[in-house]
Amino acid sequence: MATHSGKTPRPAAIETVEPIGKRVLLRKDEDRKQTKTGIHLPDKIEIPTLTGRIVAVSAQVSRDDDYPIKRYDRVLFNPKHAIPVDFEGDNRLFVVPVEDIVAVFRREADE
């Protein structure tokens, strides 16, 4: 398909990433450059972060009651099998097998 200027159109930008199988897409939290007590760390030293927010859940995971994970959940994950998704400039998106999600952070409901 050609445009009026005679140039061929560029491919459309990727708008979504949908995990397939027993996987989730998450955005890893930024590594901390400061300790909990407020001590600032040098640029070369960071505390590695193994937490993130769920961006998308595959259809297979969302139908499985064994995995109570949903979009926007904050999770603790094992990064060993995490696959980076080069979709954003800061590259904090990862596709992670659901088996590598080791905990979900939840707030207690007010009673």
N, C-alpha and C. Protein backbone atom coordinates (compact mmCIF):
# COMPACT_ATOMS: atom_id res chain seq x y z
N MET A 1 0.84 -1.16 0.00
CA MET A 1 0.00 0.00 0.00
C MET A 1 0.90 1.23 0.00
N ALA A 2 0.65 2.13 -0.85
CA ALA A 2 1.45 3.34 -0.98
C ALA A 2 0.67 4.53 -0.44
N THR A 3 1.38 5.54 -0.02
CA THR A 3 0.74 6.77 0.44
C THR A 3 0.74 7.77 -0.70
N HIS A 4 0.11 8.90 -0.48
CA HIS A 4 0.05 9.92 -1.52
C HIS A 4 1.42 10.47 -1.88
N SER A 5 2.37 10.43 -0.98
CA SER A 5 3.70 10.97 -1.25
C SER A 5 4.55 9.98 -2.04
N GLY A 6 4.02 8.78 -2.29
CA GLY A 6 4.77 7.78 -3.03
C GLY A 6 5.64 6.91 -2.14
N LYS A 7 5.71 7.21 -0.87
CA LYS A 7 6.49 6.40 0.06
C LYS A 7 5.62 5.28 0.61
N THR A 8 6.27 4.17 0.93
CA THR A 8 5.51 3.10 1.56
C THR A 8 5.35 3.43 3.03
N PRO A 9 4.22 3.08 3.61
CA PRO A 9 4.01 3.41 5.02
C PRO A 9 4.90 2.58 5.93
N ARG A 10 5.24 3.17 7.07
CA ARG A 10 6.00 2.43 8.07
C ARG A 10 5.08 1.45 8.77
N PRO A 11 5.63 0.33 9.25
CA PRO A 11 4.79 -0.59 10.01
C PRO A 11 4.26 0.09 11.27
N ALA A 12 3.07 -0.29 11.66
CA ALA A 12 2.46 0.30 12.85
C ALA A 12 3.28 -0.06 14.08
N ALA A 13 3.35 0.87 15.02
CA ALA A 13 4.09 0.63 16.26
C ALA A 13 3.36 -0.42 17.09
N ILE A 14 4.13 -1.19 17.83
CA ILE A 14 3.54 -2.19 18.71
C ILE A 14 2.82 -1.46 19.83
N GLU A 15 1.56 -1.83 20.06
CA GLU A 15 0.79 -1.17 21.11
C GLU A 15 0.63 -2.04 22.34
N THR A 16 0.58 -3.36 22.16
CA THR A 16 0.40 -4.25 23.29
C THR A 16 1.31 -5.46 23.17
N VAL A 17 1.60 -6.04 24.30
CA VAL A 17 2.34 -7.30 24.35
C VAL A 17 1.47 -8.25 25.16
N GLU A 18 1.09 -9.37 24.57
CA GLU A 18 0.23 -10.33 25.25
C GLU A 18 1.01 -11.61 25.52
N PRO A 19 1.20 -11.96 26.79
CA PRO A 19 1.92 -13.19 27.10
C PRO A 19 1.10 -14.41 26.69
N ILE A 20 1.79 -15.46 26.28
CA ILE A 20 1.17 -16.71 25.83
C ILE A 20 1.58 -17.82 26.78
N GLY A 21 0.70 -18.80 26.97
CA GLY A 21 1.00 -19.92 27.86
C GLY A 21 0.90 -19.49 29.30
N LYS A 22 1.65 -20.14 30.16
CA LYS A 22 1.61 -19.82 31.60
C LYS A 22 2.64 -18.74 31.90
N ARG A 23 2.39 -17.53 31.36
CA ARG A 23 3.32 -16.42 31.54
C ARG A 23 2.56 -15.15 31.86
N VAL A 24 3.28 -14.21 32.45
CA VAL A 24 2.74 -12.88 32.72
C VAL A 24 3.74 -11.85 32.19
N LEU A 25 3.25 -10.67 31.93
CA LEU A 25 4.10 -9.54 31.55
C LEU A 25 4.13 -8.62 32.75
N LEU A 26 5.34 -8.26 33.19
CA LEU A 26 5.43 -7.35 34.33
C LEU A 26 6.43 -6.25 34.06
N ARG A 27 6.22 -5.15 34.78
CA ARG A 27 7.16 -4.02 34.73
C ARG A 27 7.94 -4.05 36.04
N LYS A 28 9.22 -4.32 35.92
CA LYS A 28 10.09 -4.43 37.09
C LYS A 28 10.23 -3.07 37.76
N ASP A 29 10.17 -3.09 39.09
CA ASP A 29 10.40 -1.86 39.85
C ASP A 29 11.84 -1.41 39.63
N GLU A 30 12.08 -0.12 39.75
CA GLU A 30 13.44 0.40 39.58
C GLU A 30 14.32 -0.06 40.73
N ASP A 31 15.59 -0.32 40.41
CA ASP A 31 16.56 -0.65 41.45
C ASP A 31 16.72 0.57 42.36
N ARG A 32 16.87 0.30 43.63
CA ARG A 32 16.98 1.38 44.60
C ARG A 32 18.41 1.91 44.64
N LYS A 33 18.51 3.22 44.75
CA LYS A 33 19.81 3.88 44.86
C LYS A 33 19.99 4.47 46.26
N GLN A 34 19.10 4.08 47.16
CA GLN A 34 19.13 4.59 48.52
C GLN A 34 18.64 3.48 49.45
N THR A 35 19.27 3.34 50.59
CA THR A 35 18.84 2.33 51.56
C THR A 35 17.58 2.81 52.27
N LYS A 36 16.93 1.90 53.00
CA LYS A 36 15.72 2.27 53.74
C LYS A 36 15.99 3.33 54.80
N THR A 37 17.22 3.38 55.29
CA THR A 37 17.56 4.38 56.31
C THR A 37 17.96 5.72 55.70
N GLY A 38 17.96 5.82 54.36
CA GLY A 38 18.21 7.09 53.70
C GLY A 38 19.62 7.30 53.20
N ILE A 39 20.48 6.29 53.32
CA ILE A 39 21.86 6.43 52.84
C ILE A 39 21.87 6.30 51.32
N HIS A 40 22.41 7.31 50.63
CA HIS A 40 22.49 7.28 49.18
C HIS A 40 23.69 6.43 48.76
N LEU A 41 23.45 5.55 47.79
CA LEU A 41 24.50 4.65 47.32
C LEU A 41 25.22 5.26 46.13
N PRO A 42 26.50 4.95 45.94
CA PRO A 42 27.22 5.44 44.76
C PRO A 42 26.55 4.94 43.49
N ASP A 43 26.80 5.63 42.37
CA ASP A 43 26.17 5.28 41.10
C ASP A 43 26.40 3.84 40.68
N LYS A 44 27.55 3.28 41.01
CA LYS A 44 27.87 1.93 40.57
C LYS A 44 27.25 0.85 41.45
N ILE A 45 26.66 1.25 42.57
CA ILE A 45 26.07 0.28 43.49
C ILE A 45 24.57 0.51 43.54
N GLU A 46 23.82 -0.55 43.29
CA GLU A 46 22.37 -0.49 43.39
C GLU A 46 21.90 -1.73 44.12
N ILE A 47 20.76 -1.61 44.78
CA ILE A 47 20.16 -2.77 45.42
C ILE A 47 19.26 -3.42 44.37
N PRO A 48 19.58 -4.66 43.95
CA PRO A 48 18.76 -5.28 42.90
C PRO A 48 17.33 -5.47 43.37
N THR A 49 16.41 -5.19 42.48
CA THR A 49 15.00 -5.29 42.79
C THR A 49 14.40 -6.50 42.11
N LEU A 50 13.66 -7.27 42.85
CA LEU A 50 13.01 -8.46 42.32
C LEU A 50 11.50 -8.32 42.44
N THR A 51 11.02 -7.09 42.44
CA THR A 51 9.59 -6.85 42.51
C THR A 51 9.14 -6.10 41.27
N GLY A 52 7.86 -6.18 40.99
CA GLY A 52 7.31 -5.49 39.85
C GLY A 52 5.80 -5.49 39.88
N ARG A 53 5.19 -4.85 38.89
CA ARG A 53 3.73 -4.79 38.75
C ARG A 53 3.33 -5.59 37.52
N ILE A 54 2.27 -6.36 37.66
CA ILE A 54 1.75 -7.13 36.54
C ILE A 54 1.11 -6.17 35.54
N VAL A 55 1.52 -6.28 34.29
CA VAL A 55 0.97 -5.45 33.21
C VAL A 55 -0.09 -6.23 32.45
N ALA A 56 0.17 -7.53 32.21
CA ALA A 56 -0.78 -8.38 31.48
C ALA A 56 -0.62 -9.81 31.95
N VAL A 57 -1.71 -10.55 31.89
CA VAL A 57 -1.74 -11.96 32.29
C VAL A 57 -2.25 -12.75 31.10
N SER A 58 -1.62 -13.87 30.78
CA SER A 58 -2.09 -14.69 29.65
C SER A 58 -3.47 -15.25 29.96
N ALA A 59 -4.21 -15.62 28.93
CA ALA A 59 -5.54 -16.20 29.10
C ALA A 59 -5.47 -17.48 29.91
N GLN A 60 -4.44 -18.26 29.69
CA GLN A 60 -4.29 -19.53 30.41
C GLN A 60 -4.13 -19.29 31.92
N VAL A 61 -3.35 -18.31 32.30
CA VAL A 61 -3.15 -18.00 33.72
C VAL A 61 -4.42 -17.41 34.32
N SER A 62 -5.10 -16.53 33.60
CA SER A 62 -6.30 -15.89 34.15
C SER A 62 -7.42 -16.89 34.40
N ARG A 63 -7.44 -18.01 33.67
CA ARG A 63 -8.47 -19.04 33.87
C ARG A 63 -8.10 -20.05 34.95
N ASP A 64 -6.86 -20.02 35.41
CA ASP A 64 -6.37 -21.02 36.36
C ASP A 64 -6.49 -20.51 37.79
N ASP A 65 -7.34 -21.17 38.59
CA ASP A 65 -7.55 -20.74 39.98
C ASP A 65 -6.32 -20.95 40.86
N ASP A 66 -5.36 -21.75 40.41
CA ASP A 66 -4.14 -21.97 41.19
C ASP A 66 -3.23 -20.74 41.19
N TYR A 67 -3.48 -19.81 40.26
CA TYR A 67 -2.65 -18.61 40.15
C TYR A 67 -3.53 -17.37 40.33
N PRO A 68 -3.69 -16.89 41.57
CA PRO A 68 -4.54 -15.72 41.83
C PRO A 68 -3.83 -14.41 41.50
N ILE A 69 -3.39 -14.29 40.26
CA ILE A 69 -2.62 -13.11 39.83
C ILE A 69 -3.48 -12.33 38.85
N LYS A 70 -3.53 -11.02 39.05
CA LYS A 70 -4.29 -10.19 38.12
C LYS A 70 -3.50 -8.92 37.80
N ARG A 71 -3.97 -8.22 36.81
CA ARG A 71 -3.31 -7.00 36.36
C ARG A 71 -3.18 -6.01 37.53
N TYR A 72 -2.07 -5.33 37.58
CA TYR A 72 -1.71 -4.31 38.57
C TYR A 72 -1.25 -4.88 39.91
N ASP A 73 -1.27 -6.21 40.08
CA ASP A 73 -0.74 -6.79 41.31
C ASP A 73 0.75 -6.49 41.42
N ARG A 74 1.20 -6.24 42.63
CA ARG A 74 2.64 -6.10 42.88
C ARG A 74 3.14 -7.46 43.32
N VAL A 75 4.21 -7.93 42.68
CA VAL A 75 4.68 -9.30 42.91
C VAL A 75 6.17 -9.34 43.18
N LEU A 76 6.58 -10.44 43.81
CA LEU A 76 7.98 -10.79 44.00
C LEU A 76 8.25 -11.92 43.02
N PHE A 77 9.33 -11.81 42.23
CA PHE A 77 9.58 -12.83 41.22
C PHE A 77 11.04 -13.24 41.17
N ASN A 78 11.26 -14.45 40.67
CA ASN A 78 12.60 -14.97 40.44
C ASN A 78 12.99 -14.57 39.02
N PRO A 79 14.04 -13.77 38.84
CA PRO A 79 14.39 -13.25 37.52
C PRO A 79 15.14 -14.23 36.61
N LYS A 80 15.40 -15.43 37.10
CA LYS A 80 16.24 -16.37 36.34
C LYS A 80 15.70 -16.63 34.93
N HIS A 81 14.39 -16.80 34.78
CA HIS A 81 13.81 -17.12 33.47
C HIS A 81 13.06 -15.93 32.85
N ALA A 82 13.24 -14.74 33.42
CA ALA A 82 12.56 -13.55 32.89
C ALA A 82 13.15 -13.18 31.53
N ILE A 83 12.27 -12.91 30.58
CA ILE A 83 12.69 -12.53 29.23
C ILE A 83 12.45 -11.03 29.06
N PRO A 84 13.51 -10.25 28.83
CA PRO A 84 13.31 -8.80 28.66
C PRO A 84 12.57 -8.50 27.36
N VAL A 85 11.69 -7.52 27.40
CA VAL A 85 10.94 -7.09 26.23
C VAL A 85 11.45 -5.71 25.87
N ASP A 86 12.10 -5.58 24.73
CA ASP A 86 12.67 -4.31 24.29
C ASP A 86 11.55 -3.47 23.67
N PHE A 87 10.69 -2.94 24.53
CA PHE A 87 9.49 -2.24 24.09
C PHE A 87 9.52 -0.79 24.56
N GLU A 88 10.18 -0.54 25.66
CA GLU A 88 10.28 0.80 26.22
C GLU A 88 11.75 1.20 26.29
N GLY A 89 12.00 2.48 26.33
CA GLY A 89 13.38 2.95 26.38
C GLY A 89 14.14 2.48 27.60
N ASP A 90 13.45 2.41 28.75
CA ASP A 90 14.14 1.99 29.97
C ASP A 90 14.16 0.47 30.13
N ASN A 91 13.48 -0.25 29.24
CA ASN A 91 13.50 -1.72 29.18
C ASN A 91 13.27 -2.38 30.53
N ARG A 92 12.14 -2.06 31.16
CA ARG A 92 11.80 -2.68 32.44
C ARG A 92 10.68 -3.69 32.30
N LEU A 93 10.26 -3.98 31.05
CA LEU A 93 9.22 -4.98 30.83
C LEU A 93 9.84 -6.35 30.67
N PHE A 94 9.21 -7.35 31.31
CA PHE A 94 9.71 -8.72 31.24
C PHE A 94 8.53 -9.68 31.12
N VAL A 95 8.70 -10.72 30.30
CA VAL A 95 7.76 -11.84 30.27
C VAL A 95 8.34 -12.88 31.22
N VAL A 96 7.52 -13.30 32.19
CA VAL A 96 7.99 -14.18 33.26
C VAL A 96 7.06 -15.39 33.36
N PRO A 97 7.61 -16.60 33.43
CA PRO A 97 6.76 -17.77 33.67
C PRO A 97 6.05 -17.62 35.01
N VAL A 98 4.78 -17.99 35.04
CA VAL A 98 3.99 -17.80 36.26
C VAL A 98 4.58 -18.58 37.43
N GLU A 99 5.29 -19.66 37.14
CA GLU A 99 5.93 -20.43 38.21
C GLU A 99 7.02 -19.64 38.91
N ASP A 100 7.54 -18.60 38.26
CA ASP A 100 8.59 -17.77 38.85
C ASP A 100 8.04 -16.60 39.67
N ILE A 101 6.71 -16.46 39.72
CA ILE A 101 6.10 -15.49 40.62
C ILE A 101 6.01 -16.17 41.97
N VAL A 102 6.76 -15.68 42.94
CA VAL A 102 6.85 -16.38 44.22
C VAL A 102 5.95 -15.77 45.30
N ALA A 103 5.48 -14.55 45.11
CA ALA A 103 4.59 -13.93 46.09
C ALA A 103 3.83 -12.78 45.45
N VAL A 104 2.63 -12.53 45.97
CA VAL A 104 1.82 -11.38 45.57
C VAL A 104 1.62 -10.52 46.81
N PHE A 105 1.89 -9.24 46.69
CA PHE A 105 1.69 -8.31 47.81
C PHE A 105 0.23 -7.87 47.80
N ARG A 106 -0.45 -8.04 48.94
CA ARG A 106 -1.85 -7.64 49.05
C ARG A 106 -2.04 -6.83 50.33
N ARG A 107 -2.95 -5.89 50.28
CA ARG A 107 -3.31 -5.12 51.47
C ARG A 107 -4.47 -5.83 52.16
N GLU A 108 -4.45 -5.80 53.48
CA GLU A 108 -5.56 -6.38 54.24
C GLU A 108 -6.79 -5.50 54.04
N ALA A 109 -7.93 -6.12 53.83
CA ALA A 109 -9.18 -5.37 53.67
C ALA A 109 -9.57 -4.76 55.00
N ASP A 110 -10.02 -3.51 54.96
CA ASP A 110 -10.48 -2.84 56.19
C ASP A 110 -11.78 -3.48 56.64
N GLU A 111 -11.85 -3.81 57.91
CA GLU A 111 -13.07 -4.44 58.44
C GLU A 111 -13.81 -3.49 59.32
